[in-house]
Amino acid sequence: LVQAGGSLRLSCAASRSIFSITVMGWYRQAPGKQRDLVATIR
């Protein structure tokens, strides 16, 4: 929980090396809405 204007850092730990994983990224889903892309890194 954070106030508007604030910052957070999310982390995602993988079970294997990510060096060669084609694409990794973040998606988000708000209540009653579809899951949307936020950001990706190839």
PDB file of all heavy atoms in Angstrom:
ATOM      1  N   LEU A   1       0.850  -1.185   0.000  1.00  0.00           N
ATOM      2  CA  LEU A   1       0.000   0.000   0.000  1.00  0.00           C
ATOM      3  C   LEU A   1       0.885   1.234   0.000  1.00  0.00           C
ATOM      4  O   LEU A   1       1.813   1.351   0.815  1.00  0.00           O
ATOM      5  CB  LEU A   1      -0.894  -0.014   1.233  1.00  0.00           C
ATOM      6  CG  LEU A   1      -1.745   1.239   1.483  1.00  0.00           C
ATOM      7  CD1 LEU A   1      -2.762   1.430   0.364  1.00  0.00           C
ATOM      8  CD2 LEU A   1      -2.443   1.130   2.841  1.00  0.00           C
ATOM      9  N   VAL A   2       0.597   2.157  -0.896  1.00  0.00           N
ATOM     10  CA  VAL A   2       1.385   3.383  -0.996  1.00  0.00           C
ATOM     11  C   VAL A   2       0.459   4.534  -1.347  1.00  0.00           C
ATOM     12  O   VAL A   2      -0.585   4.327  -1.989  1.00  0.00           O
ATOM     13  CB  VAL A   2       2.495   3.213  -2.060  1.00  0.00           C
ATOM     14  CG1 VAL A   2       1.912   3.018  -3.443  1.00  0.00           C
ATOM     15  CG2 VAL A   2       3.478   4.363  -2.029  1.00  0.00           C
ATOM     16  N   GLN A   3       0.837   5.729  -0.925  1.00  0.00           N
ATOM     17  CA  GLN A   3       0.050   6.903  -1.272  1.00  0.00           C
ATOM     18  C   GLN A   3       0.353   7.355  -2.693  1.00  0.00           C
ATOM     19  O   GLN A   3       1.442   7.100  -3.224  1.00  0.00           O
ATOM     20  CB  GLN A   3       0.336   8.041  -0.289  1.00  0.00           C
ATOM     21  CG  GLN A   3      -0.227   7.818   1.091  1.00  0.00           C
ATOM     22  CD  GLN A   3      -0.085   9.043   1.973  1.00  0.00           C
ATOM     23  OE1 GLN A   3       0.844   9.826   1.806  1.00  0.00           O
ATOM     24  NE2 GLN A   3      -0.996   9.201   2.920  1.00  0.00           N
ATOM     25  N   ALA A   4      -0.599   8.027  -3.285  1.00  0.00           N
ATOM     26  CA  ALA A   4      -0.398   8.578  -4.621  1.00  0.00           C
ATOM     27  C   ALA A   4       0.854   9.453  -4.634  1.00  0.00           C
ATOM     28  O   ALA A   4       1.102  10.225  -3.699  1.00  0.00           O
ATOM     29  CB  ALA A   4      -1.614   9.384  -5.046  1.00  0.00           C
ATOM     30  N   GLY A   5       1.632   9.302  -5.702  1.00  0.00           N
ATOM     31  CA  GLY A   5       2.890  10.019  -5.805  1.00  0.00           C
ATOM     32  C   GLY A   5       4.084   9.254  -5.283  1.00  0.00           C
ATOM     33  O   GLY A   5       5.233   9.652  -5.502  1.00  0.00           O
ATOM     34  N   GLY A   6       3.816   8.161  -4.594  1.00  0.00           N
ATOM     35  CA  GLY A   6       4.878   7.357  -4.020  1.00  0.00           C
ATOM     36  C   GLY A   6       5.484   6.379  -4.999  1.00  0.00           C
ATOM     37  O   GLY A   6       5.144   6.367  -6.195  1.00  0.00           O
ATOM     38  N   SER A   7       6.381   5.541  -4.473  1.00  0.00           N
ATOM     39  CA  SER A   7       7.105   4.592  -5.295  1.00  0.00           C
ATOM     40  C   SER A   7       7.084   3.201  -4.670  1.00  0.00           C
ATOM     41  O   SER A   7       6.982   3.069  -3.443  1.00  0.00           O
ATOM     42  CB  SER A   7       8.566   5.025  -5.459  1.00  0.00           C
ATOM     43  OG  SER A   7       8.681   6.275  -6.100  1.00  0.00           O
ATOM     44  N   LEU A   8       7.184   2.202  -5.513  1.00  0.00           N
ATOM     45  CA  LEU A   8       7.356   0.811  -5.098  1.00  0.00           C
ATOM     46  C   LEU A   8       8.270   0.140  -6.106  1.00  0.00           C
ATOM     47  O   LEU A   8       8.291   0.535  -7.289  1.00  0.00           O
ATOM     48  CB  LEU A   8       6.031   0.057  -5.058  1.00  0.00           C
ATOM     49  CG  LEU A   8       5.083   0.255  -3.880  1.00  0.00           C
ATOM     50  CD1 LEU A   8       3.786  -0.505  -4.131  1.00  0.00           C
ATOM     51  CD2 LEU A   8       5.717  -0.193  -2.586  1.00  0.00           C
ATOM     52  N   ARG A   9       8.975  -0.888  -5.655  1.00  0.00           N
ATOM     53  CA  ARG A   9       9.742  -1.727  -6.569  1.00  0.00           C
ATOM     54  C   ARG A   9       9.300  -3.170  -6.411  1.00  0.00           C
ATOM     55  O   ARG A   9       9.382  -3.733  -5.318  1.00  0.00           O
ATOM     56  CB  ARG A   9      11.242  -1.616  -6.324  1.00  0.00           C
ATOM     57  CG  ARG A   9      12.054  -2.325  -7.415  1.00  0.00           C
ATOM     58  CD  ARG A   9      13.538  -2.174  -7.270  1.00  0.00           C
ATOM     59  NE  ARG A   9      14.094  -3.109  -6.295  1.00  0.00           N
ATOM     60  CZ  ARG A   9      15.358  -3.539  -6.313  1.00  0.00           C
ATOM     61  NH1 ARG A   9      16.190  -3.102  -7.249  1.00  0.00           N
ATOM     62  NH2 ARG A   9      15.795  -4.355  -5.383  1.00  0.00           N
ATOM     63  N   LEU A  10       8.853  -3.732  -7.511  1.00  0.00           N
ATOM     64  CA  LEU A  10       8.476  -5.143  -7.542  1.00  0.00           C
ATOM     65  C   LEU A  10       9.654  -5.981  -8.021  1.00  0.00           C
ATOM     66  O   LEU A  10      10.432  -5.546  -8.872  1.00  0.00           O
ATOM     67  CB  LEU A  10       7.291  -5.370  -8.470  1.00  0.00           C
ATOM     68  CG  LEU A  10       6.035  -4.530  -8.215  1.00  0.00           C
ATOM     69  CD1 LEU A  10       4.936  -4.940  -9.191  1.00  0.00           C
ATOM     70  CD2 LEU A  10       5.576  -4.654  -6.786  1.00  0.00           C
ATOM     71  N   SER A  11       9.744  -7.183  -7.481  1.00  0.00           N
ATOM     72  CA  SER A  11      10.773  -8.134  -7.891  1.00  0.00           C
ATOM     73  C   SER A  11      10.112  -9.424  -8.357  1.00  0.00           C
ATOM     74  O   SER A  11       9.052  -9.798  -7.841  1.00  0.00           O
ATOM     75  CB  SER A  11      11.719  -8.453  -6.737  1.00  0.00           C
ATOM     76  OG  SER A  11      12.370  -7.304  -6.259  1.00  0.00           O
ATOM     77  N   CYS A  12      10.745 -10.085  -9.292  1.00  0.00           N
ATOM     78  CA  CYS A  12      10.266 -11.384  -9.773  1.00  0.00           C
ATOM     79  C   CYS A  12      11.475 -12.296  -9.900  1.00  0.00           C
ATOM     80  O   CYS A  12      12.324 -12.092 -10.780  1.00  0.00           O
ATOM     81  CB  CYS A  12       9.560 -11.233 -11.104  1.00  0.00           C
ATOM     82  SG  CYS A  12       9.155 -12.822 -11.891  1.00  0.00           S
ATOM     83  N   ALA A  13      11.533 -13.287  -9.028  1.00  0.00           N
ATOM     84  CA  ALA A  13      12.633 -14.240  -9.044  1.00  0.00           C
ATOM     85  C   ALA A  13      12.244 -15.470  -9.849  1.00  0.00           C
ATOM     86  O   ALA A  13      11.177 -16.057  -9.615  1.00  0.00           O
ATOM     87  CB  ALA A  13      12.992 -14.638  -7.616  1.00  0.00           C
ATOM     88  N   ALA A  14      13.097 -15.855 -10.776  1.00  0.00           N
ATOM     89  CA  ALA A  14      12.845 -17.019 -11.622  1.00  0.00           C
ATOM     90  C   ALA A  14      13.599 -18.237 -11.080  1.00  0.00           C
ATOM     91  O   ALA A  14      14.638 -18.097 -10.425  1.00  0.00           O
ATOM     92  CB  ALA A  14      13.283 -16.731 -13.050  1.00  0.00           C
ATOM     93  N   SER A  15      13.066 -19.414 -11.409  1.00  0.00           N
ATOM     94  CA  SER A  15      13.643 -20.664 -10.909  1.00  0.00           C
ATOM     95  C   SER A  15      14.829 -21.141 -11.736  1.00  0.00           C
ATOM     96  O   SER A  15      15.461 -22.143 -11.394  1.00  0.00           O
ATOM     97  CB  SER A  15      12.570 -21.759 -10.890  1.00  0.00           C
ATOM     98  OG  SER A  15      12.076 -21.976 -12.202  1.00  0.00           O
ATOM     99  N   ARG A  16      15.120 -20.446 -12.845  1.00  0.00           N
ATOM    100  CA  ARG A  16      16.223 -20.829 -13.706  1.00  0.00           C
ATOM    101  C   ARG A  16      16.877 -19.569 -14.257  1.00  0.00           C
ATOM    102  O   ARG A  16      16.347 -18.464 -14.059  1.00  0.00           O
ATOM    103  CB  ARG A  16      15.735 -21.714 -14.847  1.00  0.00           C
ATOM    104  CG  ARG A  16      14.541 -21.155 -15.594  1.00  0.00           C
ATOM    105  CD  ARG A  16      14.497 -21.546 -17.041  1.00  0.00           C
ATOM    106  NE  ARG A  16      15.457 -20.804 -17.840  1.00  0.00           N
ATOM    107  CZ  ARG A  16      15.672 -21.011 -19.122  1.00  0.00           C
ATOM    108  NH1 ARG A  16      15.006 -21.969 -19.755  1.00  0.00           N
ATOM    109  NH2 ARG A  16      16.558 -20.296 -19.793  1.00  0.00           N
ATOM    110  N   SER A  17      17.943 -19.732 -14.960  1.00  0.00           N
ATOM    111  CA  SER A  17      18.614 -18.585 -15.555  1.00  0.00           C
ATOM    112  C   SER A  17      17.682 -17.845 -16.500  1.00  0.00           C
ATOM    113  O   SER A  17      16.960 -18.462 -17.284  1.00  0.00           O
ATOM    114  CB  SER A  17      19.842 -19.048 -16.337  1.00  0.00           C
ATOM    115  OG  SER A  17      20.382 -17.971 -17.075  1.00  0.00           O
ATOM    116  N   ILE A  18      17.683 -16.522 -16.413  1.00  0.00           N
ATOM    117  CA  ILE A  18      16.830 -15.710 -17.283  1.00  0.00           C
ATOM    118  C   ILE A  18      17.592 -15.207 -18.497  1.00  0.00           C
ATOM    119  O   ILE A  18      17.042 -14.498 -19.325  1.00  0.00           O
ATOM    120  CB  ILE A  18      16.195 -14.525 -16.520  1.00  0.00           C
ATOM    121  CG1 ILE A  18      17.270 -13.529 -16.068  1.00  0.00           C
ATOM    122  CG2 ILE A  18      15.366 -15.025 -15.348  1.00  0.00           C
ATOM    123  CD1 ILE A  18      16.699 -12.243 -15.498  1.00  0.00           C
ATOM    124  N   PHE A  19      18.853 -15.598 -18.603  1.00  0.00           N
ATOM    125  CA  PHE A  19      19.718 -15.055 -19.666  1.00  0.00           C
ATOM    126  C   PHE A  19      19.113 -15.258 -21.046  1.00  0.00           C
ATOM    127  O   PHE A  19      19.159 -14.367 -21.883  1.00  0.00           O
ATOM    128  CB  PHE A  19      21.091 -15.716 -19.591  1.00  0.00           C
ATOM    129  CG  PHE A  19      22.029 -15.282 -20.684  1.00  0.00           C
ATOM    130  CD1 PHE A  19      22.634 -14.039 -20.633  1.00  0.00           C
ATOM    131  CD2 PHE A  19      22.313 -16.104 -21.768  1.00  0.00           C
ATOM    132  CE1 PHE A  19      23.496 -13.620 -21.637  1.00  0.00           C
ATOM    133  CE2 PHE A  19      23.177 -15.698 -22.765  1.00  0.00           C
ATOM    134  CZ  PHE A  19      23.770 -14.457 -22.695  1.00  0.00           C
ATOM    135  N   SER A  20      18.529 -16.432 -21.268  1.00  0.00           N
ATOM    136  CA  SER A  20      18.053 -16.744 -22.618  1.00  0.00           C
ATOM    137  C   SER A  20      16.535 -16.768 -22.728  1.00  0.00           C
ATOM    138  O   SER A  20      16.002 -17.119 -23.787  1.00  0.00           O
ATOM    139  CB  SER A  20      18.603 -18.102 -23.061  1.00  0.00           C
ATOM    140  OG  SER A  20      18.156 -19.112 -22.183  1.00  0.00           O
ATOM    141  N   ILE A  21      15.842 -16.397 -21.675  1.00  0.00           N
ATOM    142  CA  ILE A  21      14.375 -16.390 -21.755  1.00  0.00           C
ATOM    143  C   ILE A  21      13.954 -15.338 -22.766  1.00  0.00           C
ATOM    144  O   ILE A  21      14.365 -14.177 -22.687  1.00  0.00           O
ATOM    145  CB  ILE A  21      13.735 -16.137 -20.384  1.00  0.00           C
ATOM    146  CG1 ILE A  21      13.984 -17.341 -19.469  1.00  0.00           C
ATOM    147  CG2 ILE A  21      12.245 -15.864 -20.525  1.00  0.00           C
ATOM    148  CD1 ILE A  21      13.396 -17.216 -18.088  1.00  0.00           C
ATOM    149  N   THR A  22      13.114 -15.726 -23.697  1.00  0.00           N
ATOM    150  CA  THR A  22      12.772 -14.889 -24.837  1.00  0.00           C
ATOM    151  C   THR A  22      12.249 -13.515 -24.407  1.00  0.00           C
ATOM    152  O   THR A  22      12.751 -12.481 -24.846  1.00  0.00           O
ATOM    153  CB  THR A  22      11.729 -15.582 -25.713  1.00  0.00           C
ATOM    154  OG1 THR A  22      12.205 -16.887 -26.061  1.00  0.00           O
ATOM    155  CG2 THR A  22      11.459 -14.783 -26.975  1.00  0.00           C
ATOM    156  N   VAL A  23      11.220 -13.517 -23.585  1.00  0.00           N
ATOM    157  CA  VAL A  23      10.624 -12.276 -23.095  1.00  0.00           C
ATOM    158  C   VAL A  23      10.194 -12.480 -21.650  1.00  0.00           C
ATOM    159  O   VAL A  23       9.603 -13.508 -21.310  1.00  0.00           O
ATOM    160  CB  VAL A  23       9.363 -11.865 -23.909  1.00  0.00           C
ATOM    161  CG1 VAL A  23       8.816 -10.540 -23.400  1.00  0.00           C
ATOM    162  CG2 VAL A  23       9.659 -11.801 -25.388  1.00  0.00           C
ATOM    163  N   MET A  24      10.454 -11.492 -20.815  1.00  0.00           N
ATOM    164  CA  MET A  24       9.890 -11.463 -19.468  1.00  0.00           C
ATOM    165  C   MET A  24       9.207 -10.124 -19.280  1.00  0.00           C
ATOM    166  O   MET A  24       9.546  -9.137 -19.950  1.00  0.00           O
ATOM    167  CB  MET A  24      10.974 -11.659 -18.409  1.00  0.00           C
ATOM    168  CG  MET A  24      11.614 -13.033 -18.459  1.00  0.00           C
ATOM    169  SD  MET A  24      12.655 -13.378 -17.033  1.00  0.00           S
ATOM    170  CE  MET A  24      11.408 -13.579 -15.732  1.00  0.00           C
ATOM    171  N   GLY A  25       8.232 -10.112 -18.400  1.00  0.00           N
ATOM    172  CA  GLY A  25       7.541  -8.852 -18.240  1.00  0.00           C
ATOM    173  C   GLY A  25       6.591  -8.819 -17.069  1.00  0.00           C
ATOM    174  O   GLY A  25       6.506  -9.774 -16.284  1.00  0.00           O
ATOM    175  N   TRP A  26       5.898  -7.709 -16.982  1.00  0.00           N
ATOM    176  CA  TRP A  26       4.918  -7.474 -15.934  1.00  0.00           C
ATOM    177  C   TRP A  26       3.571  -7.140 -16.568  1.00  0.00           C
ATOM    178  O   TRP A  26       3.506  -6.377 -17.539  1.00  0.00           O
ATOM    179  CB  TRP A  26       5.358  -6.298 -15.052  1.00  0.00           C
ATOM    180  CG  TRP A  26       6.569  -6.579 -14.239  1.00  0.00           C
ATOM    181  CD1 TRP A  26       7.868  -6.307 -14.569  1.00  0.00           C
ATOM    182  CD2 TRP A  26       6.605  -7.216 -12.960  1.00  0.00           C
ATOM    183  NE1 TRP A  26       8.708  -6.735 -13.574  1.00  0.00           N
ATOM    184  CE2 TRP A  26       7.967  -7.289 -12.573  1.00  0.00           C
ATOM    185  CE3 TRP A  26       5.637  -7.722 -12.093  1.00  0.00           C
ATOM    186  CZ2 TRP A  26       8.360  -7.855 -11.358  1.00  0.00           C
ATOM    187  CZ3 TRP A  26       6.030  -8.273 -10.897  1.00  0.00           C
ATOM    188  CH2 TRP A  26       7.379  -8.337 -10.533  1.00  0.00           C
ATOM    189  N   TYR A  27       2.530  -7.739 -16.011  1.00  0.00           N
ATOM    190  CA  TYR A  27       1.161  -7.464 -16.384  1.00  0.00           C
ATOM    191  C   TYR A  27       0.411  -7.087 -15.119  1.00  0.00           C
ATOM    192  O   TYR A  27       0.859  -7.372 -14.011  1.00  0.00           O
ATOM    193  CB  TYR A  27       0.517  -8.699 -17.020  1.00  0.00           C
ATOM    194  CG  TYR A  27       1.040  -9.028 -18.395  1.00  0.00           C
ATOM    195  CD1 TYR A  27       2.333  -9.520 -18.582  1.00  0.00           C
ATOM    196  CD2 TYR A  27       0.251  -8.845 -19.528  1.00  0.00           C
ATOM    197  CE1 TYR A  27       2.826  -9.808 -19.845  1.00  0.00           C
ATOM    198  CE2 TYR A  27       0.723  -9.141 -20.799  1.00  0.00           C
ATOM    199  CZ  TYR A  27       2.005  -9.627 -20.941  1.00  0.00           C
ATOM    200  OH  TYR A  27       2.482  -9.912 -22.197  1.00  0.00           O
ATOM    201  N   ARG A  28      -0.747  -6.461 -15.284  1.00  0.00           N
ATOM    202  CA  ARG A  28      -1.562  -6.132 -14.116  1.00  0.00           C
ATOM    203  C   ARG A  28      -3.031  -6.335 -14.424  1.00  0.00           C
ATOM    204  O   ARG A  28      -3.460  -6.214 -15.563  1.00  0.00           O
ATOM    205  CB  ARG A  28      -1.302  -4.711 -13.641  1.00  0.00           C
ATOM    206  CG  ARG A  28      -1.745  -3.618 -14.602  1.00  0.00           C
ATOM    207  CD  ARG A  28      -1.281  -2.252 -14.082  1.00  0.00           C
ATOM    208  NE  ARG A  28      -1.694  -1.166 -14.950  1.00  0.00           N
ATOM    209  CZ  ARG A  28      -1.320   0.097 -14.797  1.00  0.00           C
ATOM    210  NH1 ARG A  28      -0.504   0.434 -13.769  1.00  0.00           N
ATOM    211  NH2 ARG A  28      -1.744   1.030 -15.618  1.00  0.00           N
ATOM    212  N   GLN A  29      -3.763  -6.636 -13.357  1.00  0.00           N
ATOM    213  CA  GLN A  29      -5.205  -6.866 -13.485  1.00  0.00           C
ATOM    214  C   GLN A  29      -5.923  -6.189 -12.336  1.00  0.00           C
ATOM    215  O   GLN A  29      -5.723  -6.549 -11.166  1.00  0.00           O
ATOM    216  CB  GLN A  29      -5.513  -8.363 -13.504  1.00  0.00           C
ATOM    217  CG  GLN A  29      -6.954  -8.684 -13.816  1.00  0.00           C
ATOM    218  CD  GLN A  29      -7.143 -10.154 -14.130  1.00  0.00           C
ATOM    219  OE1 GLN A  29      -6.331 -11.000 -13.780  1.00  0.00           O
ATOM    220  NE2 GLN A  29      -8.235 -10.469 -14.808  1.00  0.00           N
ATOM    221  N   ALA A  30      -6.739  -5.208 -12.684  1.00  0.00           N
ATOM    222  CA  ALA A  30      -7.569  -4.523 -11.698  1.00  0.00           C
ATOM    223  C   ALA A  30      -8.885  -5.280 -11.550  1.00  0.00           C
ATOM    224  O   ALA A  30      -9.287  -6.013 -12.463  1.00  0.00           O
ATOM    225  CB  ALA A  30      -7.823  -3.087 -12.131  1.00  0.00           C
ATOM    226  N   PRO A  31      -9.587  -5.113 -10.433  1.00  0.00           N
ATOM    227  CA  PRO A  31     -10.852  -5.830 -10.226  1.00  0.00           C
ATOM    228  C   PRO A  31     -11.841  -5.580 -11.360  1.00  0.00           C
ATOM    229  O   PRO A  31     -12.084  -4.430 -11.746  1.00  0.00           O
ATOM    230  CB  PRO A  31     -11.370  -5.261  -8.910  1.00  0.00           C
ATOM    231  CG  PRO A  31     -10.146  -4.820  -8.189  1.00  0.00           C
ATOM    232  CD  PRO A  31      -9.216  -4.317  -9.251  1.00  0.00           C
ATOM    233  N   GLY A  32     -12.385  -6.651 -11.902  1.00  0.00           N
ATOM    234  CA  GLY A  32     -13.373  -6.543 -12.954  1.00  0.00           C
ATOM    235  C   GLY A  32     -12.829  -6.195 -14.325  1.00  0.00           C
ATOM    236  O   GLY A  32     -13.597  -5.965 -15.260  1.00  0.00           O
ATOM    237  N   LYS A  33     -11.506  -6.155 -14.455  1.00  0.00           N
ATOM    238  CA  LYS A  33     -10.903  -5.788 -15.741  1.00  0.00           C
ATOM    239  C   LYS A  33     -10.007  -6.910 -16.238  1.00  0.00           C
ATOM    240  O   LYS A  33      -9.643  -7.819 -15.508  1.00  0.00           O
ATOM    241  CB  LYS A  33     -10.110  -4.491 -15.588  1.00  0.00           C
ATOM    242  CG  LYS A  33     -10.976  -3.286 -15.243  1.00  0.00           C
ATOM    243  CD  LYS A  33     -10.189  -2.003 -15.326  1.00  0.00           C
ATOM    244  CE  LYS A  33     -11.076  -0.800 -15.081  1.00  0.00           C
ATOM    245  NZ  LYS A  33     -10.330   0.484 -15.198  1.00  0.00           N
ATOM    246  N   GLN A  34      -9.621  -6.822 -17.488  1.00  0.00           N
ATOM    247  CA  GLN A  34      -8.736  -7.827 -18.071  1.00  0.00           C
ATOM    248  C   GLN A  34      -7.296  -7.582 -17.632  1.00  0.00           C
ATOM    249  O   GLN A  34      -6.963  -6.497 -17.157  1.00  0.00           O
ATOM    250  CB  GLN A  34      -8.830  -7.795 -19.596  1.00  0.00           C
ATOM    251  CG  GLN A  34      -8.286  -6.516 -20.220  1.00  0.00           C
ATOM    252  CD  GLN A  34      -8.419  -6.512 -21.736  1.00  0.00           C
ATOM    253  OE1 GLN A  34      -9.231  -7.218 -22.324  1.00  0.00           O
ATOM    254  NE2 GLN A  34      -7.606  -5.712 -22.398  1.00  0.00           N
ATOM    255  N   ARG A  35      -6.487  -8.602 -17.812  1.00  0.00           N
ATOM    256  CA  ARG A  35      -5.070  -8.490 -17.487  1.00  0.00           C
ATOM    257  C   ARG A  35      -4.367  -7.766 -18.635  1.00  0.00           C
ATOM    258  O   ARG A  35      -4.458  -8.171 -19.785  1.00  0.00           O
ATOM    259  CB  ARG A  35      -4.465  -9.877 -17.264  1.00  0.00           C
ATOM    260  CG  ARG A  35      -3.077  -9.858 -16.696  1.00  0.00           C
ATOM    261  CD  ARG A  35      -2.597 -11.270 -16.367  1.00  0.00           C
ATOM    262  NE  ARG A  35      -3.426 -11.894 -15.328  1.00  0.00           N
ATOM    263  CZ  ARG A  35      -3.152 -13.072 -14.783  1.00  0.00           C
ATOM    264  NH1 ARG A  35      -2.043 -13.734 -15.150  1.00  0.00           N
ATOM    265  NH2 ARG A  35      -3.933 -13.577 -13.856  1.00  0.00           N
ATOM    266  N   ASP A  36      -3.662  -6.709 -18.304  1.00  0.00           N
ATOM    267  CA  ASP A  36      -3.030  -5.867 -19.318  1.00  0.00           C
ATOM    268  C   ASP A  36      -1.513  -5.850 -19.161  1.00  0.00           C
ATOM    269  O   ASP A  36      -0.992  -5.922 -18.050  1.00  0.00           O
ATOM    270  CB  ASP A  36      -3.530  -4.419 -19.210  1.00  0.00           C
ATOM    271  CG  ASP A  36      -4.983  -4.267 -19.619  1.00  0.00           C
ATOM    272  OD1 ASP A  36      -5.427  -5.009 -20.521  1.00  0.00           O
ATOM    273  OD2 ASP A  36      -5.660  -3.400 -19.046  1.00  0.00           O
ATOM    274  N   LEU A  37      -0.841  -5.685 -20.288  1.00  0.00           N
ATOM    275  CA  LEU A  37       0.608  -5.567 -20.276  1.00  0.00           C
ATOM    276  C   LEU A  37       1.030  -4.256 -19.626  1.00  0.00           C
ATOM    277  O   LEU A  37       0.417  -3.205 -19.875  1.00  0.00           O
ATOM    278  CB  LEU A  37       1.134  -5.640 -21.699  1.00  0.00           C
ATOM    279  CG  LEU A  37       2.643  -5.511 -21.902  1.00  0.00           C
ATOM    280  CD1 LEU A  37       3.102  -6.410 -23.037  1.00  0.00           C
ATOM    281  CD2 LEU A  37       3.067  -4.085 -22.187  1.00  0.00           C
ATOM    282  N   VAL A  38       2.083  -4.333 -18.805  1.00  0.00           N
ATOM    283  CA  VAL A  38       2.660  -3.127 -18.216  1.00  0.00           C
ATOM    284  C   VAL A  38       4.012  -2.834 -18.868  1.00  0.00           C
ATOM    285  O   VAL A  38       4.248  -1.738 -19.363  1.00  0.00           O
ATOM    286  CB  VAL A  38       2.843  -3.287 -16.695  1.00  0.00           C
ATOM    287  CG1 VAL A  38       3.556  -2.066 -16.098  1.00  0.00           C
ATOM    288  CG2 VAL A  38       1.503  -3.524 -16.012  1.00  0.00           C
ATOM    289  N   ALA A  39       4.891  -3.836 -18.871  1.00  0.00           N
ATOM    290  CA  ALA A  39       6.225  -3.646 -19.436  1.00  0.00           C
ATOM    291  C   ALA A  39       6.842  -5.003 -19.730  1.00  0.00           C
ATOM    292  O   ALA A  39       6.543  -5.979 -19.042  1.00  0.00           O
ATOM    293  CB  ALA A  39       7.117  -2.871 -18.469  1.00  0.00           C
ATOM    294  N   THR A  40       7.687  -5.045 -20.750  1.00  0.00           N
ATOM    295  CA  THR A  40       8.416  -6.268 -21.081  1.00  0.00           C
ATOM    296  C   THR A  40       9.885  -5.954 -21.325  1.00  0.00           C
ATOM    297  O   THR A  40      10.248  -4.825 -21.674  1.00  0.00           O
ATOM    298  CB  THR A  40       7.852  -6.959 -22.325  1.00  0.00           C
ATOM    299  OG1 THR A  40       7.950  -6.066 -23.447  1.00  0.00           O
ATOM    300  CG2 THR A  40       6.411  -7.382 -22.128  1.00  0.00           C
ATOM    301  N   ILE A  41      10.707  -6.995 -21.161  1.00  0.00           N
ATOM    302  CA  ILE A  41      12.121  -6.904 -21.481  1.00  0.00           C
ATOM    303  C   ILE A  41      12.502  -8.185 -22.214  1.00  0.00           C
ATOM    304  O   ILE A  41      12.199  -9.295 -21.760  1.00  0.00           O
ATOM    305  CB  ILE A  41      12.982  -6.679 -20.221  1.00  0.00           C
ATOM    306  CG1 ILE A  41      14.446  -6.481 -20.597  1.00  0.00           C
ATOM    307  CG2 ILE A  41      12.801  -7.785 -19.193  1.00  0.00           C
ATOM    308  CD1 ILE A  41      15.275  -5.867 -19.462  1.00  0.00           C
ATOM    309  N   ARG A  42      13.109  -8.023 -23.364  1.00  0.00           N
ATOM    310  CA  ARG A  42      13.461  -9.164 -24.192  1.00  0.00           C
ATOM    311  C   ARG A  42      14.864  -9.664 -23.848  1.00  0.00           C
ATOM    312  O   ARG A  42      15.619  -8.974 -23.144  1.00  0.00           O
ATOM    313  CB  ARG A  42      13.373  -8.792 -25.668  1.00  0.00           C
ATOM    314  CG  ARG A  42      11.983  -8.311 -26.086  1.00  0.00           C
ATOM    315  CD  ARG A  42      11.860  -8.192 -27.588  1.00  0.00           C
ATOM    316  NE  ARG A  42      11.874  -9.490 -28.237  1.00  0.00           N
ATOM    317  CZ  ARG A  42      10.801 -10.255 -28.420  1.00  0.00           C
ATOM    318  NH1 ARG A  42       9.615  -9.832 -28.017  1.00  0.00           N
ATOM    319  NH2 ARG A  42      10.905 -11.416 -29.022  1.00  0.00           N
TER     320      ARG A  42
END
